[in-house]
Amino acid sequence: MNEIPEVIRTIPLHYYLFFSSTLFVIGIIGVLTRRNAIIIFMCIELMLNAVNLLLTAFSAYRSDANGQVFVFFIMAVAAAEVCVGLAIIVMIYRNLRTTDINILSNLKW
């Protein structure tokens, strides 16, 4: 326990677990209930940030940098995902004038 920095020891690990779980559940609810593609992407990013927070907290409590390295790669993949996803959404909006995901089922016909 002496290896953990003082700043990290002031907040117990289960607070990080609860907060990260809450953020993840909010993201899941947003993905399952929303119809707007941009809001769905925001909820996916919220879920990724919840995982990043938990990885960083575990990494700090174990005094190991592996979790923080994973966070760096997750952020890089998330940035690429957002770039491609927003480009697709912009092209769909230019063609259909909406970002409603129910309209996208017409694309398969």
C-alpha atoms as a PDB file:
ATOM      1  CA  MET A   1       0.000   0.000   0.000  1.00  0.00           C
ATOM      2  CA  ASN A   2       2.977   2.328   0.447  1.00  0.00           C
ATOM      3  CA  GLU A   3       3.731   2.177  -3.295  1.00  0.00           C
ATOM      4  CA  ILE A   4       0.455   3.889  -4.193  1.00  0.00           C
ATOM      5  CA  PRO A   5       0.845   7.691  -4.495  1.00  0.00           C
ATOM      6  CA  GLU A   6      -0.858   9.805  -1.830  1.00  0.00           C
ATOM      7  CA  VAL A   7      -3.165  11.467  -4.338  1.00  0.00           C
ATOM      8  CA  ILE A   8      -4.495   8.123  -5.512  1.00  0.00           C
ATOM      9  CA  ARG A   9      -4.932   6.782  -1.967  1.00  0.00           C
ATOM     10  CA  THR A  10      -7.328   9.605  -1.065  1.00  0.00           C
ATOM     11  CA  ILE A  11     -10.018   8.126  -3.340  1.00  0.00           C
ATOM     12  CA  PRO A  12     -10.776   4.424  -2.722  1.00  0.00           C
ATOM     13  CA  LEU A  13     -10.746   2.031  -5.649  1.00  0.00           C
ATOM     14  CA  HIS A  14     -14.417   1.127  -5.320  1.00  0.00           C
ATOM     15  CA  TYR A  15     -15.340   4.777  -6.037  1.00  0.00           C
ATOM     16  CA  TYR A  16     -13.575   4.445  -9.381  1.00  0.00           C
ATOM     17  CA  LEU A  17     -15.397   1.163 -10.001  1.00  0.00           C
ATOM     18  CA  PHE A  18     -18.784   2.677  -9.217  1.00  0.00           C
ATOM     19  CA  PHE A  19     -18.192   5.815 -11.286  1.00  0.00           C
ATOM     20  CA  SER A  20     -16.848   3.872 -14.266  1.00  0.00           C
ATOM     21  CA  SER A  21     -19.718   1.391 -14.118  1.00  0.00           C
ATOM     22  CA  THR A  22     -22.220   4.241 -14.001  1.00  0.00           C
ATOM     23  CA  LEU A  23     -20.665   5.919 -17.034  1.00  0.00           C
ATOM     24  CA  PHE A  24     -20.648   2.619 -18.922  1.00  0.00           C
ATOM     25  CA  VAL A  25     -24.312   1.922 -18.117  1.00  0.00           C
ATOM     26  CA  ILE A  26     -25.299   5.442 -19.216  1.00  0.00           C
ATOM     27  CA  GLY A  27     -23.482   4.804 -22.494  1.00  0.00           C
ATOM     28  CA  ILE A  28     -25.249   1.466 -23.002  1.00  0.00           C
ATOM     29  CA  ILE A  29     -28.643   3.026 -22.309  1.00  0.00           C
ATOM     30  CA  GLY A  30     -27.864   5.812 -24.772  1.00  0.00           C
ATOM     31  CA  VAL A  31     -26.864   3.362 -27.505  1.00  0.00           C
ATOM     32  CA  LEU A  32     -29.971   1.227 -26.993  1.00  0.00           C
ATOM     33  CA  THR A  33     -32.547   4.019 -26.734  1.00  0.00           C
ATOM     34  CA  ARG A  34     -31.390   6.810 -29.060  1.00  0.00           C
ATOM     35  CA  ARG A  35     -32.126   7.068 -32.771  1.00  0.00           C
ATOM     36  CA  ASN A  36     -29.667   9.814 -33.732  1.00  0.00           C
ATOM     37  CA  ALA A  37     -26.386   8.445 -35.082  1.00  0.00           C
ATOM     38  CA  ILE A  38     -24.286  11.267 -33.622  1.00  0.00           C
ATOM     39  CA  ILE A  39     -25.650  10.680 -30.124  1.00  0.00           C
ATOM     40  CA  ILE A  40     -24.986   6.953 -30.512  1.00  0.00           C
ATOM     41  CA  PHE A  41     -21.346   7.725 -31.357  1.00  0.00           C
ATOM     42  CA  MET A  42     -21.147   9.987 -28.301  1.00  0.00           C
ATOM     43  CA  CYS A  43     -22.479   7.174 -26.117  1.00  0.00           C
ATOM     44  CA  ILE A  44     -19.915   4.752 -27.542  1.00  0.00           C
ATOM     45  CA  GLU A  45     -17.190   7.271 -26.698  1.00  0.00           C
ATOM     46  CA  LEU A  46     -18.617   7.543 -23.181  1.00  0.00           C
ATOM     47  CA  MET A  47     -18.327   3.774 -22.790  1.00  0.00           C
ATOM     48  CA  LEU A  48     -14.730   3.840 -24.036  1.00  0.00           C
ATOM     49  CA  ASN A  49     -13.894   6.626 -21.586  1.00  0.00           C
ATOM     50  CA  ALA A  50     -15.404   4.590 -18.731  1.00  0.00           C
ATOM     51  CA  VAL A  51     -13.098   1.711 -19.622  1.00  0.00           C
ATOM     52  CA  ASN A  52     -10.147   4.117 -19.862  1.00  0.00           C
ATOM     53  CA  LEU A  53     -10.908   5.505 -16.414  1.00  0.00           C
ATOM     54  CA  LEU A  54     -11.037   2.037 -14.908  1.00  0.00           C
ATOM     55  CA  LEU A  55      -7.826   0.928 -16.605  1.00  0.00           C
ATOM     56  CA  THR A  56      -6.053   4.051 -15.367  1.00  0.00           C
ATOM     57  CA  ALA A  57      -7.339   3.563 -11.816  1.00  0.00           C
ATOM     58  CA  PHE A  58      -6.235  -0.074 -11.684  1.00  0.00           C
ATOM     59  CA  SER A  59      -2.909   0.879 -13.212  1.00  0.00           C
ATOM     60  CA  ALA A  60      -2.326   3.549 -10.582  1.00  0.00           C
ATOM     61  CA  TYR A  61      -3.344   1.274  -7.706  1.00  0.00           C
ATOM     62  CA  ARG A  62      -1.002  -1.471  -8.902  1.00  0.00           C
ATOM     63  CA  SER A  63       1.791   1.027  -9.670  1.00  0.00           C
ATOM     64  CA  ASP A  64       2.046  -0.475 -13.126  1.00  0.00           C
ATOM     65  CA  ALA A  65       2.099   1.491 -16.382  1.00  0.00           C
ATOM     66  CA  ASN A  66       0.594  -1.261 -18.551  1.00  0.00           C
ATOM     67  CA  GLY A  67      -2.967  -0.011 -18.045  1.00  0.00           C
ATOM     68  CA  GLN A  68      -1.984   3.498 -19.061  1.00  0.00           C
ATOM     69  CA  VAL A  69      -0.347   2.169 -22.224  1.00  0.00           C
ATOM     70  CA  PHE A  70      -3.591   0.355 -23.086  1.00  0.00           C
ATOM     71  CA  VAL A  71      -5.477   3.618 -22.490  1.00  0.00           C
ATOM     72  CA  PHE A  72      -3.218   5.362 -24.990  1.00  0.00           C
ATOM     73  CA  PHE A  73      -3.962   2.761 -27.665  1.00  0.00           C
ATOM     74  CA  ILE A  74      -7.697   2.787 -26.899  1.00  0.00           C
ATOM     75  CA  MET A  75      -7.733   6.569 -27.332  1.00  0.00           C
ATOM     76  CA  ALA A  76      -5.912   6.285 -30.667  1.00  0.00           C
ATOM     77  CA  VAL A  77      -8.362   3.670 -31.954  1.00  0.00           C
ATOM     78  CA  ALA A  78     -11.316   5.715 -30.681  1.00  0.00           C
ATOM     79  CA  ALA A  79     -10.050   8.809 -32.500  1.00  0.00           C
ATOM     80  CA  ALA A  80      -9.762   6.852 -35.750  1.00  0.00           C
ATOM     81  CA  GLU A  81     -13.221   5.388 -35.204  1.00  0.00           C
ATOM     82  CA  VAL A  82     -14.706   8.838 -34.706  1.00  0.00           C
ATOM     83  CA  CYS A  83     -13.065  10.179 -37.865  1.00  0.00           C
ATOM     84  CA  VAL A  84     -14.404   7.357 -40.021  1.00  0.00           C
ATOM     85  CA  GLY A  85     -17.794   7.300 -38.302  1.00  0.00           C
ATOM     86  CA  LEU A  86     -18.371  11.029 -38.618  1.00  0.00           C
ATOM     87  CA  ALA A  87     -17.329  10.945 -42.275  1.00  0.00           C
ATOM     88  CA  ILE A  88     -19.919   8.234 -42.905  1.00  0.00           C
ATOM     89  CA  ILE A  89     -22.568  10.183 -40.996  1.00  0.00           C
ATOM     90  CA  VAL A  90     -21.818  13.364 -42.977  1.00  0.00           C
ATOM     91  CA  MET A  91     -22.182  11.492 -46.270  1.00  0.00           C
ATOM     92  CA  ILE A  92     -25.452   9.916 -45.132  1.00  0.00           C
ATOM     93  CA  TYR A  93     -26.739  13.308 -44.028  1.00  0.00           C
ATOM     94  CA  ARG A  94     -25.845  14.845 -47.404  1.00  0.00           C
ATOM     95  CA  ASN A  95     -27.816  12.159 -49.214  1.00  0.00           C
ATOM     96  CA  LEU A  96     -30.794  11.649 -46.885  1.00  0.00           C
ATOM     97  CA  ARG A  97     -30.936  14.958 -44.919  1.00  0.00           C
ATOM     98  CA  THR A  98     -31.320  13.060 -41.637  1.00  0.00           C
ATOM     99  CA  THR A  99     -29.190  11.169 -39.130  1.00  0.00           C
ATOM    100  CA  ASP A 100     -32.012   8.906 -37.964  1.00  0.00           C
ATOM    101  CA  ILE A 101     -30.778   5.307 -37.903  1.00  0.00           C
ATOM    102  CA  ASN A 102     -34.196   3.889 -38.776  1.00  0.00           C
ATOM    103  CA  ILE A 103     -33.935   5.519 -42.217  1.00  0.00           C
ATOM    104  CA  LEU A 104     -30.674   3.657 -42.830  1.00  0.00           C
ATOM    105  CA  SER A 105     -32.515   0.360 -43.219  1.00  0.00           C
ATOM    106  CA  ASN A 106     -33.623   1.653 -46.645  1.00  0.00           C
ATOM    107  CA  LEU A 107     -30.001   1.543 -47.827  1.00  0.00           C
ATOM    108  CA  LYS A 108     -29.985  -2.250 -48.085  1.00  0.00           C
ATOM    109  CA  TRP A 109     -32.687  -2.286 -50.763  1.00  0.00           C
END
